[in-house]
Structure formats: structure tokens, C-alpha cells
PDB file of N, CA and C in Angstrom:
ATOM      1  N   VAL A   1       0.857  -1.192   0.000  1.00  0.00           N
ATOM      2  CA  VAL A   1       0.000   0.000   0.000  1.00  0.00           C
ATOM      3  C   VAL A   1       0.888   1.234   0.000  1.00  0.00           C
ATOM      4  N   GLN A   2       0.558   2.157  -0.904  1.00  0.00           N
ATOM      5  CA  GLN A   2       1.270   3.436  -0.934  1.00  0.00           C
ATOM      6  C   GLN A   2       0.261   4.568  -1.033  1.00  0.00           C
ATOM      7  N   LEU A   3       0.514   5.584  -0.233  1.00  0.00           N
ATOM      8  CA  LEU A   3      -0.311   6.785  -0.227  1.00  0.00           C
ATOM      9  C   LEU A   3       0.634   7.974  -0.232  1.00  0.00           C
ATOM     10  N   GLN A   4       0.553   8.777  -1.247  1.00  0.00           N
ATOM     11  CA  GLN A   4       1.481   9.901  -1.391  1.00  0.00           C
ATOM     12  C   GLN A   4       0.707  11.204  -1.452  1.00  0.00           C
ATOM     13  N   ALA A   5       0.867  12.011  -0.415  1.00  0.00           N
ATOM     14  CA  ALA A   5       0.201  13.307  -0.379  1.00  0.00           C
ATOM     15  C   ALA A   5       1.100  14.379  -0.979  1.00  0.00           C
ATOM     16  N   CYS A   6       0.482  15.355  -1.629  1.00  0.00           N
ATOM     17  CA  CYS A   6       1.222  16.489  -2.166  1.00  0.00           C
ATOM     18  C   CYS A   6       0.275  17.674  -2.257  1.00  0.00           C
ATOM     19  N   GLY A   7       0.832  18.827  -2.576  1.00  0.00           N
ATOM     20  CA  GLY A   7       0.004  20.008  -2.760  1.00  0.00           C
ATOM     21  C   GLY A   7       0.140  21.040  -1.661  1.00  0.00           C
ATOM     22  N   GLY A   8       0.903  20.720  -0.632  1.00  0.00           N
ATOM     23  CA  GLY A   8       1.099  21.680   0.436  1.00  0.00           C
ATOM     24  C   GLY A   8       1.972  22.835  -0.012  1.00  0.00           C
ATOM     25  N   GLY A   9       2.090  23.817   0.860  1.00  0.00           N
ATOM     26  CA  GLY A   9       2.924  24.959   0.540  1.00  0.00           C
ATOM     27  C   GLY A   9       2.714  26.075   1.533  1.00  0.00           C
ATOM     28  N   LEU A  10       3.291  27.215   1.211  1.00  0.00           N
ATOM     29  CA  LEU A  10       3.178  28.414   2.036  1.00  0.00           C
ATOM     30  C   LEU A  10       2.096  29.305   1.437  1.00  0.00           C
ATOM     31  N   VAL A  11       1.141  29.688   2.254  1.00  0.00           N
ATOM     32  CA  VAL A  11       0.033  30.502   1.768  1.00  0.00           C
ATOM     33  C   VAL A  11      -0.336  31.523   2.824  1.00  0.00           C
ATOM     34  N   GLN A  12      -0.834  32.649   2.394  1.00  0.00           N
ATOM     35  CA  GLN A  12      -1.270  33.674   3.340  1.00  0.00           C
ATOM     36  C   GLN A  12      -2.637  33.316   3.913  1.00  0.00           C
ATOM     37  N   ALA A  13      -2.914  33.837   5.074  1.00  0.00           N
ATOM     38  CA  ALA A  13      -4.216  33.624   5.699  1.00  0.00           C
ATOM     39  C   ALA A  13      -5.324  34.043   4.728  1.00  0.00           C
ATOM     40  N   GLY A  14      -6.354  33.215   4.668  1.00  0.00           N
ATOM     41  CA  GLY A  14      -7.447  33.459   3.733  1.00  0.00           C
ATOM     42  C   GLY A  14      -7.272  32.759   2.400  1.00  0.00           C
ATOM     43  N   GLY A  15      -6.086  32.233   2.165  1.00  0.00           N
ATOM     44  CA  GLY A  15      -5.804  31.588   0.891  1.00  0.00           C
ATOM     45  C   GLY A  15      -6.324  30.165   0.811  1.00  0.00           C
ATOM     46  N   SER A  16      -6.037  29.522  -0.315  1.00  0.00           N
ATOM     47  CA  SER A  16      -6.538  28.172  -0.588  1.00  0.00           C
ATOM     48  C   SER A  16      -5.433  27.291  -1.155  1.00  0.00           C
ATOM     49  N   LEU A  17      -5.616  26.005  -0.961  1.00  0.00           N
ATOM     50  CA  LEU A  17      -4.763  24.990  -1.558  1.00  0.00           C
ATOM     51  C   LEU A  17      -5.630  23.781  -1.883  1.00  0.00           C
ATOM     52  N   ARG A  18      -5.141  22.944  -2.778  1.00  0.00           N
ATOM     53  CA  ARG A  18      -5.777  21.655  -2.999  1.00  0.00           C
ATOM     54  C   ARG A  18      -4.734  20.568  -2.768  1.00  0.00           C
ATOM     55  N   LEU A  19      -4.965  19.782  -1.744  1.00  0.00           N
ATOM     56  CA  LEU A  19      -4.082  18.667  -1.427  1.00  0.00           C
ATOM     57  C   LEU A  19      -4.562  17.434  -2.182  1.00  0.00           C
ATOM     58  N   SER A  20      -3.613  16.632  -2.629  1.00  0.00           N
ATOM     59  CA  SER A  20      -3.930  15.400  -3.340  1.00  0.00           C
ATOM     60  C   SER A  20      -3.263  14.232  -2.645  1.00  0.00           C
ATOM     61  N   CYS A  21      -3.867  13.076  -2.778  1.00  0.00           N
ATOM     62  CA  CYS A  21      -3.299  11.852  -2.221  1.00  0.00           C
ATOM     63  C   CYS A  21      -3.458  10.755  -3.255  1.00  0.00           C
ATOM     64  N   ALA A  22      -2.354  10.371  -3.869  1.00  0.00           N
ATOM     65  CA  ALA A  22      -2.372   9.315  -4.874  1.00  0.00           C
ATOM     66  C   ALA A  22      -2.167   7.964  -4.194  1.00  0.00           C
ATOM     67  N   ALA A  23      -3.018   7.015  -4.517  1.00  0.00           N
ATOM     68  CA  ALA A  23      -3.003   5.719  -3.847  1.00  0.00           C
ATOM     69  C   ALA A  23      -2.661   4.591  -4.809  1.00  0.00           C
ATOM     70  N   SER A  24      -2.031   3.569  -4.288  1.00  0.00           N
ATOM     71  CA  SER A  24      -1.748   2.374  -5.077  1.00  0.00           C
ATOM     72  C   SER A  24      -1.582   1.193  -4.139  1.00  0.00           C
ATOM     73  N   GLY A  25      -1.699  -0.007  -4.692  1.00  0.00           N
ATOM     74  CA  GLY A  25      -1.460  -1.200  -3.911  1.00  0.00           C
ATOM     75  C   GLY A  25      -2.683  -1.783  -3.234  1.00  0.00           C
ATOM     76  N   PHE A  26      -3.842  -1.213  -3.489  1.00  0.00           N
ATOM     77  CA  PHE A  26      -5.072  -1.776  -2.932  1.00  0.00           C
ATOM     78  C   PHE A  26      -6.246  -1.364  -3.820  1.00  0.00           C
ATOM     79  N   THR A  27      -7.376  -2.003  -3.615  1.00  0.00           N
ATOM     80  CA  THR A  27      -8.570  -1.676  -4.385  1.00  0.00           C
ATOM     81  C   THR A  27      -9.177  -0.402  -3.825  1.00  0.00           C
ATOM     82  N   PHE A  28      -8.920   0.681  -4.517  1.00  0.00           N
ATOM     83  CA  PHE A  28      -9.211   2.026  -4.003  1.00  0.00           C
ATOM     84  C   PHE A  28     -10.668   2.190  -3.595  1.00  0.00           C
ATOM     85  N   ASP A  29     -11.577   1.675  -4.434  1.00  0.00           N
ATOM     86  CA  ASP A  29     -13.004   1.890  -4.188  1.00  0.00           C
ATOM     87  C   ASP A  29     -13.501   1.222  -2.907  1.00  0.00           C
ATOM     88  N   ASP A  30     -12.774   0.237  -2.416  1.00  0.00           N
ATOM     89  CA  ASP A  30     -13.266  -0.592  -1.328  1.00  0.00           C
ATOM     90  C   ASP A  30     -12.996  -0.026   0.061  1.00  0.00           C
ATOM     91  N   TYR A  31     -12.242   1.049   0.146  1.00  0.00           N
ATOM     92  CA  TYR A  31     -11.799   1.513   1.449  1.00  0.00           C
ATOM     93  C   TYR A  31     -12.231   2.934   1.763  1.00  0.00           C
ATOM     94  N   ALA A  32     -12.455   3.159   3.043  1.00  0.00           N
ATOM     95  CA  ALA A  32     -12.618   4.517   3.531  1.00  0.00           C
ATOM     96  C   ALA A  32     -11.275   5.225   3.452  1.00  0.00           C
ATOM     97  N   LEU A  33     -11.326   6.519   3.298  1.00  0.00           N
ATOM     98  CA  LEU A  33     -10.115   7.334   3.194  1.00  0.00           C
ATOM     99  C   LEU A  33     -10.261   8.550   4.080  1.00  0.00           C
ATOM    100  N   GLY A  34      -9.151   9.049   4.554  1.00  0.00           N
ATOM    101  CA  GLY A  34      -9.246  10.202   5.430  1.00  0.00           C
ATOM    102  C   GLY A  34      -8.002  11.056   5.435  1.00  0.00           C
ATOM    103  N   TRP A  35      -8.176  12.281   5.888  1.00  0.00           N
ATOM    104  CA  TRP A  35      -7.071  13.232   6.066  1.00  0.00           C
ATOM    105  C   TRP A  35      -6.915  13.535   7.555  1.00  0.00           C
ATOM    106  N   PHE A  36      -5.678  13.599   7.968  1.00  0.00           N
ATOM    107  CA  PHE A  36      -5.324  13.992   9.318  1.00  0.00           C
ATOM    108  C   PHE A  36      -4.287  15.105   9.213  1.00  0.00           C
ATOM    109  N   ARG A  37      -4.032  15.767  10.323  1.00  0.00           N
ATOM    110  CA  ARG A  37      -2.969  16.762  10.346  1.00  0.00           C
ATOM    111  C   ARG A  37      -2.303  16.768  11.706  1.00  0.00           C
ATOM    112  N   GLN A  38      -1.050  17.215  11.696  1.00  0.00           N
ATOM    113  CA  GLN A  38      -0.300  17.322  12.941  1.00  0.00           C
ATOM    114  C   GLN A  38       0.446  18.636  12.940  1.00  0.00           C
ATOM    115  N   ALA A  39       0.039  19.497  13.844  1.00  0.00           N
ATOM    116  CA  ALA A  39       0.680  20.795  13.990  1.00  0.00           C
ATOM    117  C   ALA A  39       1.910  20.647  14.888  1.00  0.00           C
ATOM    118  N   PRO A  40       2.869  21.552  14.786  1.00  0.00           N
ATOM    119  CA  PRO A  40       4.066  21.476  15.627  1.00  0.00           C
ATOM    120  C   PRO A  40       3.711  21.405  17.105  1.00  0.00           C
ATOM    121  N   GLY A  41       4.240  20.410  17.780  1.00  0.00           N
ATOM    122  CA  GLY A  41       4.029  20.271  19.207  1.00  0.00           C
ATOM    123  C   GLY A  41       2.666  19.736  19.615  1.00  0.00           C
ATOM    124  N   LYS A  42       1.869  19.332  18.645  1.00  0.00           N
ATOM    125  CA  LYS A  42       0.524  18.832  18.958  1.00  0.00           C
ATOM    126  C   LYS A  42       0.343  17.409  18.445  1.00  0.00           C
ATOM    127  N   GLU A  43      -0.686  16.766  18.945  1.00  0.00           N
ATOM    128  CA  GLU A  43      -1.000  15.416  18.496  1.00  0.00           C
ATOM    129  C   GLU A  43      -1.673  15.456  17.123  1.00  0.00           C
ATOM    130  N   ARG A  44      -1.542  14.341  16.414  1.00  0.00           N
ATOM    131  CA  ARG A  44      -2.221  14.230  15.134  1.00  0.00           C
ATOM    132  C   ARG A  44      -3.730  14.208  15.356  1.00  0.00           C
ATOM    133  N   GLU A  45      -4.447  14.922  14.509  1.00  0.00           N
ATOM    134  CA  GLU A  45      -5.901  14.992  14.663  1.00  0.00           C
ATOM    135  C   GLU A  45      -6.597  14.720  13.339  1.00  0.00           C
ATOM    136  N   GLY A  46      -7.779  14.173  13.422  1.00  0.00           N
ATOM    137  CA  GLY A  46      -8.567  13.918  12.224  1.00  0.00           C
ATOM    138  C   GLY A  46      -9.120  15.205  11.651  1.00  0.00           C
ATOM    139  N   VAL A  47      -9.117  15.303  10.334  1.00  0.00           N
ATOM    140  CA  VAL A  47      -9.625  16.481   9.636  1.00  0.00           C
ATOM    141  C   VAL A  47     -10.906  16.138   8.889  1.00  0.00           C
ATOM    142  N   SER A  48     -10.831  15.101   8.071  1.00  0.00           N
ATOM    143  CA  SER A  48     -11.979  14.737   7.257  1.00  0.00           C
ATOM    144  C   SER A  48     -11.807  13.318   6.764  1.00  0.00           C
ATOM    145  N   CYS A  49     -12.944  12.650   6.548  1.00  0.00           N
ATOM    146  CA  CYS A  49     -12.866  11.304   6.009  1.00  0.00           C
ATOM    147  C   CYS A  49     -14.174  10.970   5.312  1.00  0.00           C
ATOM    148  N   PHE A  50     -14.169   9.920   4.510  1.00  0.00           N
ATOM    149  CA  PHE A  50     -15.421   9.433   4.008  1.00  0.00           C
ATOM    150  C   PHE A  50     -15.417   7.931   3.864  1.00  0.00           C
ATOM    151  N   SER A  51     -16.624   7.420   3.967  1.00  0.00           N
ATOM    152  CA  SER A  51     -16.783   5.978   3.953  1.00  0.00           C
ATOM    153  C   SER A  51     -16.791   5.486   2.513  1.00  0.00           C
ATOM    154  N   ALA A  52     -16.456   4.218   2.345  1.00  0.00           N
ATOM    155  CA  ALA A  52     -16.512   3.602   1.028  1.00  0.00           C
ATOM    156  C   ALA A  52     -17.918   3.118   0.712  1.00  0.00           C
ATOM    157  N   SER A  53     -18.668   2.749   1.741  1.00  0.00           N
ATOM    158  CA  SER A  53     -19.956   2.097   1.515  1.00  0.00           C
ATOM    159  C   SER A  53     -20.999   3.031   0.921  1.00  0.00           C
ATOM    160  N   ASP A  54     -21.079   4.256   1.471  1.00  0.00           N
ATOM    161  CA  ASP A  54     -22.120   5.141   0.970  1.00  0.00           C
ATOM    162  C   ASP A  54     -21.595   6.531   0.614  1.00  0.00           C
ATOM    163  N   GLY A  55     -20.275   6.731   0.730  1.00  0.00           N
ATOM    164  CA  GLY A  55     -19.687   8.003   0.356  1.00  0.00           C
ATOM    165  C   GLY A  55     -19.962   9.130   1.331  1.00  0.00           C
ATOM    166  N   SER A  56     -20.487   8.804   2.507  1.00  0.00           N
ATOM    167  CA  SER A  56     -20.724   9.846   3.506  1.00  0.00           C
ATOM    168  C   SER A  56     -19.414  10.528   3.875  1.00  0.00           C
ATOM    169  N   THR A  57     -19.477  11.823   4.083  1.00  0.00           N
ATOM    170  CA  THR A  57     -18.277  12.584   4.447  1.00  0.00           C
ATOM    171  C   THR A  57     -18.405  13.145   5.861  1.00  0.00           C
ATOM    172  N   TYR A  58     -17.263  13.303   6.509  1.00  0.00           N
ATOM    173  CA  TYR A  58     -17.217  13.785   7.872  1.00  0.00           C
ATOM    174  C   TYR A  58     -16.102  14.816   7.969  1.00  0.00           C
ATOM    175  N   TYR A  59     -16.339  15.838   8.795  1.00  0.00           N
ATOM    176  CA  TYR A  59     -15.357  16.897   8.989  1.00  0.00           C
ATOM    177  C   TYR A  59     -15.239  17.221  10.468  1.00  0.00           C
ATOM    178  N   SER A  60     -14.036  17.593  10.869  1.00  0.00           N
ATOM    179  CA  SER A  60     -13.881  18.096  12.228  1.00  0.00           C
ATOM    180  C   SER A  60     -14.535  19.476  12.300  1.00  0.00           C
ATOM    181  N   ASP A  61     -14.936  19.845  13.492  1.00  0.00           N
ATOM    182  CA  ASP A  61     -15.611  21.140  13.656  1.00  0.00           C
ATOM    183  C   ASP A  61     -14.717  22.303  13.235  1.00  0.00           C
ATOM    184  N   SER A  62     -13.420  22.149  13.407  1.00  0.00           N
ATOM    185  CA  SER A  62     -12.498  23.253  13.121  1.00  0.00           C
ATOM    186  C   SER A  62     -12.362  23.554  11.635  1.00  0.00           C
ATOM    187  N   VAL A  63     -12.739  22.609  10.772  1.00  0.00           N
ATOM    188  CA  VAL A  63     -12.578  22.828   9.335  1.00  0.00           C
ATOM    189  C   VAL A  63     -13.897  22.816   8.587  1.00  0.00           C
ATOM    190  N   LYS A  64     -14.963  22.480   9.261  1.00  0.00           N
ATOM    191  CA  LYS A  64     -16.267  22.375   8.613  1.00  0.00           C
ATOM    192  C   LYS A  64     -16.637  23.699   7.941  1.00  0.00           C
ATOM    193  N   GLY A  65     -17.057  23.617   6.697  1.00  0.00           N
ATOM    194  CA  GLY A  65     -17.416  24.809   5.949  1.00  0.00           C
ATOM    195  C   GLY A  65     -16.269  25.434   5.188  1.00  0.00           C
ATOM    196  N   ARG A  66     -15.049  25.011   5.492  1.00  0.00           N
ATOM    197  CA  ARG A  66     -13.874  25.571   4.800  1.00  0.00           C
ATOM    198  C   ARG A  66     -13.143  24.523   3.960  1.00  0.00           C
ATOM    199  N   PHE A  67     -13.177  23.282   4.402  1.00  0.00           N
ATOM    200  CA  PHE A  67     -12.465  22.210   3.709  1.00  0.00           C
ATOM    201  C   PHE A  67     -13.481  21.299   3.033  1.00  0.00           C
ATOM    202  N   THR A  68     -13.096  20.730   1.896  1.00  0.00           N
ATOM    203  CA  THR A  68     -13.957  19.788   1.179  1.00  0.00           C
ATOM    204  C   THR A  68     -13.147  18.583   0.741  1.00  0.00           C
ATOM    205  N   ILE A  69     -13.589  17.409   1.145  1.00  0.00           N
ATOM    206  CA  ILE A  69     -12.925  16.169   0.768  1.00  0.00           C
ATOM    207  C   ILE A  69     -13.613  15.587  -0.460  1.00  0.00           C
ATOM    208  N   SER A  70     -12.835  14.985  -1.331  1.00  0.00           N
ATOM    209  CA  SER A  70     -13.400  14.340  -2.504  1.00  0.00           C
ATOM    210  C   SER A  70     -12.473  13.223  -2.961  1.00  0.00           C
ATOM    211  N   ARG A  71     -12.963  12.393  -3.848  1.00  0.00           N
ATOM    212  CA  ARG A  71     -12.143  11.306  -4.359  1.00  0.00           C
ATOM    213  C   ARG A  71     -12.487  11.054  -5.821  1.00  0.00           C
ATOM    214  N   ASN A  72     -11.501  10.614  -6.558  1.00  0.00           N
ATOM    215  CA  ASN A  72     -11.693  10.215  -7.943  1.00  0.00           C
ATOM    216  C   ASN A  72     -11.266   8.755  -8.025  1.00  0.00           C
ATOM    217  N   ASN A  73     -12.248   7.871  -8.041  1.00  0.00           N
ATOM    218  CA  ASN A  73     -11.909   6.451  -8.030  1.00  0.00           C
ATOM    219  C   ASN A  73     -11.153   6.021  -9.280  1.00  0.00           C
ATOM    220  N   GLY A  74     -11.460   6.636 -10.408  1.00  0.00           N
ATOM    221  CA  GLY A  74     -10.767   6.275 -11.637  1.00  0.00           C
ATOM    222  C   GLY A  74      -9.287   6.619 -11.587  1.00  0.00           C
ATOM    223  N   LYS A  75      -8.969   7.717 -10.931  1.00  0.00           N
ATOM    224  CA  LYS A  75      -7.569   8.140 -10.809  1.00  0.00           C
ATOM    225  C   LYS A  75      -6.936   7.641  -9.518  1.00  0.00           C
ATOM    226  N   LYS A  76      -7.722   6.958  -8.690  1.00  0.00           N
ATOM    227  CA  LYS A  76      -7.222   6.468  -7.399  1.00  0.00           C
ATOM    228  C   LYS A  76      -6.575   7.601  -6.608  1.00  0.00           C
ATOM    229  N   THR A  77      -7.269   8.687  -6.547  1.00  0.00           N
ATOM    230  CA  THR A  77      -6.744   9.879  -5.884  1.00  0.00           C
ATOM    231  C   THR A  77      -7.820  10.498  -5.004  1.00  0.00           C
ATOM    232  N   MET A  78      -7.400  10.938  -3.838  1.00  0.00           N
ATOM    233  CA  MET A  78      -8.264  11.659  -2.930  1.00  0.00           C
ATOM    234  C   MET A  78      -7.774  13.095  -2.848  1.00  0.00           C
ATOM    235  N   TYR A  79      -8.693  14.010  -2.616  1.00  0.00           N
ATOM    236  CA  TYR A  79      -8.346  15.425  -2.573  1.00  0.00           C
ATOM    237  C   TYR A  79      -8.872  16.056  -1.287  1.00  0.00           C
ATOM    238  N   LEU A  80      -8.241  17.144  -0.914  1.00  0.00           N
ATOM    239  CA  LEU A  80      -8.757  17.980   0.157  1.00  0.00           C
ATOM    240  C   LEU A  80      -8.613  19.427  -0.307  1.00  0.00           C
ATOM    241  N   GLN A  81      -9.722  20.057  -0.619  1.00  0.00           N
ATOM    242  CA  GLN A  81      -9.720  21.468  -0.963  1.00  0.00           C
ATOM    243  C   GLN A  81      -9.787  22.246   0.339  1.00  0.00           C
ATOM    244  N   VAL A  82      -8.793  23.065   0.565  1.00  0.00           N
ATOM    245  CA  VAL A  82      -8.714  23.826   1.812  1.00  0.00           C
ATOM    246  C   VAL A  82      -8.822  25.296   1.481  1.00  0.00           C
ATOM    247  N   ASN A  83      -9.889  25.909   1.961  1.00  0.00           N
ATOM    248  CA  ASN A  83     -10.159  27.322   1.712  1.00  0.00           C
ATOM    249  C   ASN A  83     -10.183  28.094   3.026  1.00  0.00           C
ATOM    250  N   GLY A  84     -10.077  29.390   2.925  1.00  0.00           N
ATOM    251  CA  GLY A  84     -10.146  30.219   4.123  1.00  0.00           C
ATOM    252  C   GLY A  84      -9.120  29.829   5.162  1.00  0.00           C
ATOM    253  N   LEU A  85      -7.898  29.573   4.711  1.00  0.00           N
ATOM    254  CA  LEU A  85      -6.872  29.066   5.623  1.00  0.00           C
ATOM    255  C   LEU A  85      -6.544  30.065   6.726  1.00  0.00           C
ATOM    256  N   LYS A  86      -6.275  29.511   7.886  1.00  0.00           N
ATOM    257  CA  LYS A  86      -5.915  30.291   9.072  1.00  0.00           C
ATOM    258  C   LYS A  86      -4.551  29.829   9.551  1.00  0.00           C
ATOM    259  N   PRO A  87      -3.838  30.686  10.277  1.00  0.00           N
ATOM    260  CA  PRO A  87      -2.542  30.249  10.820  1.00  0.00           C
ATOM    261  C   PRO A  87      -2.653  28.954  11.633  1.00  0.00           C
ATOM    262  N   ASP A  88      -3.770  28.743  12.305  1.00  0.00           N
ATOM    263  CA  ASP A  88      -3.959  27.510  13.085  1.00  0.00           C
ATOM    264  C   ASP A  88      -4.064  26.258  12.213  1.00  0.00           C
ATOM    265  N   ASP A  89      -4.230  26.434  10.922  1.00  0.00           N
ATOM    266  CA  ASP A  89      -4.268  25.286  10.013  1.00  0.00           C
ATOM    267  C   ASP A  89      -2.871  24.810   9.638  1.00  0.00           C
ATOM    268  N   THR A  90      -1.850  25.550  10.056  1.00  0.00           N
ATOM    269  CA  THR A  90      -0.479  25.147   9.767  1.00  0.00           C
ATOM    270  C   THR A  90      -0.194  23.779  10.376  1.00  0.00           C
ATOM    271  N   ALA A  91       0.216  22.839   9.540  1.00  0.00           N
ATOM    272  CA  ALA A  91       0.434  21.468  10.001  1.00  0.00           C
ATOM    273  C   ALA A  91       0.950  20.632   8.840  1.00  0.00           C
ATOM    274  N   VAL A  92       1.439  19.455   9.165  1.00  0.00           N
ATOM    275  CA  VAL A  92       1.680  18.443   8.148  1.00  0.00           C
ATOM    276  C   VAL A  92       0.379  17.667   7.966  1.00  0.00           C
ATOM    277  N   TYR A  93      -0.067  17.581   6.749  1.00  0.00           N
ATOM    278  CA  TYR A  93      -1.323  16.899   6.431  1.00  0.00           C
ATOM    279  C   TYR A  93      -1.009  15.509   5.882  1.00  0.00           C
ATOM    280  N   TYR A  94      -1.667  14.521   6.460  1.00  0.00           N
ATOM    281  CA  TYR A  94      -1.448  13.128   6.093  1.00  0.00           C
ATOM    282  C   TYR A  94      -2.737  12.533   5.532  1.00  0.00           C
ATOM    283  N   CYS A  95      -2.593  11.727   4.500  1.00  0.00           N
ATOM    284  CA  CYS A  95      -3.750  10.966   4.038  1.00  0.00           C
ATOM    285  C   CYS A  95      -3.646   9.547   4.581  1.00  0.00           C
ATOM    286  N   SER A  96      -4.763   8.861   4.581  1.00  0.00           N
ATOM    287  CA  SER A  96      -4.796   7.538   5.171  1.00  0.00           C
ATOM    288  C   SER A  96      -5.830   6.674   4.476  1.00  0.00           C
ATOM    289  N   ARG A  97      -5.609   5.384   4.590  1.00  0.00           N
ATOM    290  CA  ARG A  97      -6.600   4.392   4.200  1.00  0.00           C
ATOM    291  C   ARG A  97      -7.185   3.846   5.480  1.00  0.00           C
ATOM    292  N   GLY A  98      -8.478   3.628   5.522  1.00  0.00           N
ATOM    293  CA  GLY A  98      -9.072   3.200   6.766  1.00  0.00           C
ATOM    294  C   GLY A  98     -10.267   2.299   6.613  1.00  0.00           C
ATOM    295  N   SER A  99     -10.893   2.059   7.745  1.00  0.00           N
ATOM    296  CA  SER A  99     -12.121   1.284   7.777  1.00  0.00           C
ATOM    297  C   SER A  99     -13.078   1.956   8.745  1.00  0.00           C
ATOM    298  N   PHE A 100     -14.350   1.712   8.524  1.00  0.00           N
ATOM    299  CA  PHE A 100     -15.366   2.311   9.379  1.00  0.00           C
ATOM    300  C   PHE A 100     -16.069   1.241  10.188  1.00  0.00           C
ATOM    301  N   GLY A 101     -16.002   1.411  11.535  1.00  0.00           N
ATOM    302  CA  GLY A 101     -16.892   0.650  12.378  1.00  0.00           C
ATOM    303  C   GLY A 101     -17.835   1.701  12.918  1.00  0.00           C
ATOM    304  N   THR A 102     -17.705   2.004  14.170  1.00  0.00           N
ATOM    305  CA  THR A 102     -18.436   3.157  14.716  1.00  0.00           C
ATOM    306  C   THR A 102     -17.645   4.436  14.439  1.00  0.00           C
ATOM    307  N   ASP A 103     -16.350   4.284  14.293  1.00  0.00           N
ATOM    308  CA  ASP A 103     -15.467   5.405  13.974  1.00  0.00           C
ATOM    309  C   ASP A 103     -14.513   5.002  12.859  1.00  0.00           C
ATOM    310  N   TYR A 104     -13.823   5.998  12.364  1.00  0.00           N
ATOM    311  CA  TYR A 104     -12.822   5.746  11.321  1.00  0.00           C
ATOM    312  C   TYR A 104     -11.554   5.218  11.979  1.00  0.00           C
ATOM    313  N   SER A 105     -11.053   4.083  11.493  1.00  0.00           N
ATOM    314  CA  SER A 105      -9.815   3.493  12.004  1.00  0.00           C
ATOM    315  C   SER A 105      -8.793   3.461  10.885  1.00  0.00           C
ATOM    316  N   VAL A 106      -7.595   3.945  11.181  1.00  0.00           N
ATOM    317  CA  VAL A 106      -6.553   4.008  10.160  1.00  0.00           C
ATOM    318  C   VAL A 106      -5.901   2.643   9.976  1.00  0.00           C
ATOM    319  N   LEU A 107      -5.793   2.221   8.732  1.00  0.00           N
ATOM    320  CA  LEU A 107      -5.078   0.994   8.389  1.00  0.00           C
ATOM    321  C   LEU A 107      -3.672   1.311   7.906  1.00  0.00           C
ATOM    322  N   ASP A 108      -3.532   2.376   7.139  1.00  0.00           N
ATOM    323  CA  ASP A 108      -2.230   2.761   6.589  1.00  0.00           C
ATOM    324  C   ASP A 108      -2.130   4.279   6.521  1.00  0.00           C
ATOM    325  N   TRP A 109      -0.911   4.758   6.790  1.00  0.00           N
ATOM    326  CA  TRP A 109      -0.626   6.190   6.673  1.00  0.00           C
ATOM    327  C   TRP A 109       0.159   6.450   5.408  1.00  0.00           C
ATOM    328  N   GLY A 110      -0.086   7.614   4.850  1.00  0.00           N
ATOM    329  CA  GLY A 110       0.735   8.075   3.752  1.00  0.00           C
ATOM    330  C   GLY A 110       1.756   9.077   4.259  1.00  0.00           C
ATOM    331  N   ARG A 111       2.650   9.464   3.385  1.00  0.00           N
ATOM    332  CA  ARG A 111       3.594  10.517   3.711  1.00  0.00           C
ATOM    333  C   ARG A 111       2.866  11.848   3.688  1.00  0.00           C
ATOM    334  N   GLY A 112       3.258  12.755   4.524  1.00  0.00           N
ATOM    335  CA  GLY A 112       2.539  14.002   4.673  1.00  0.00           C
ATOM    336  C   GLY A 112       3.002  15.086   3.726  1.00  0.00           C
ATOM    337  N   THR A 113       2.218  16.155   3.715  1.00  0.00           N
ATOM    338  CA  THR A 113       2.574  17.348   2.966  1.00  0.00           C
ATOM    339  C   THR A 113       2.363  18.546   3.886  1.00  0.00           C
ATOM    340  N   LEU A 114       3.331  19.445   3.903  1.00  0.00           N
ATOM    341  CA  LEU A 114       3.329  20.551   4.850  1.00  0.00           C
ATOM    342  C   LEU A 114       2.533  21.737   4.312  1.00  0.00           C
ATOM    343  N   VAL A 115       1.614  22.215   5.124  1.00  0.00           N
ATOM    344  CA  VAL A 115       0.866  23.431   4.840  1.00  0.00           C
ATOM    345  C   VAL A 115       1.259  24.470   5.880  1.00  0.00           C
ATOM    346  N   THR A 116       1.739  25.606   5.420  1.00  0.00           N
ATOM    347  CA  THR A 116       2.131  26.695   6.306  1.00  0.00           C
ATOM    348  C   THR A 116       1.306  27.922   5.950  1.00  0.00           C
ATOM    349  N   VAL A 117       0.604  28.454   6.939  1.00  0.00           N
ATOM    350  CA  VAL A 117      -0.257  29.612   6.713  1.00  0.00           C
ATOM    351  C   VAL A 117       0.320  30.804   7.466  1.00  0.00           C
ATOM    352  N   SER A 118       0.654  31.834   6.749  1.00  0.00           N
ATOM    353  CA  SER A 118       1.209  33.035   7.369  1.00  0.00           C
ATOM    354  C   SER A 118       0.096  34.040   7.642  1.00  0.00           C
ATOM    355  N   SER A 119       0.285  34.788   8.724  1.00  0.00           N
ATOM    356  CA  SER A 119      -0.751  35.766   9.115  1.00  0.00           C
ATOM    357  C   SER A 119      -0.518  37.110   8.439  1.00  0.00           C
TER     358      SER A 119
END
């Protein structure tokens, strides 16, 4: 399993980015996928995810209304459109493959991409 995130960068507050996560080594359509982030000195936290079964999407309260998760099964790629960026969004963003029981459980982590938001 390989998950490669890209698209991060340095952006001013209020700006936007589109993060991508290219996947290989598994049947993409069959798995839940999610984005997490880890800010300097903080624990990794969930940002957004969606289930494979019905495509339901979930967002943390801190990003709801600003971030949009999507996937292209044909390209085996997941995206995170991040708008209205704030300095608090500065973090390394990781994509993941997962499964859904009552909650999203990570099966595999991808390499992260750094998002830095300047004030």
C-alpha cells in the first residue's frame, strides 16, 4: 500500500490549496479514506474522512465549511480542498486508508505534505 500526499505549501491567511493523495497497492473503491494533520508540538488529529460504503463525508468542527474532501476512483486519488486558511491550520497533512466501524480506524498512513499559513 502506498499513499502519497502532495500540494502543500506556504500561503497567506485566507488563501486556498488543494491537497492530493495518490493511492496504489489496494482496491481504491473498497476503502474509507481520510485526512489527518499534525501541527508542531501537537497530536495528530482527524480532519476529514469518508466511507466507502455510501460516500458519507465527515469533517472536524475546526474545518467544517472551509475544507472539502473528494475522491476520484478512476484516478485512485483523494483530494482535500482547503479554503479560508488560518494560521492555526499550519500542520503536516497526512492521508490515510481506513475502515469504518463506529469510527474511522486508520489501516495505513501516507507521507505528509506541509501546509504553512502566514498571518
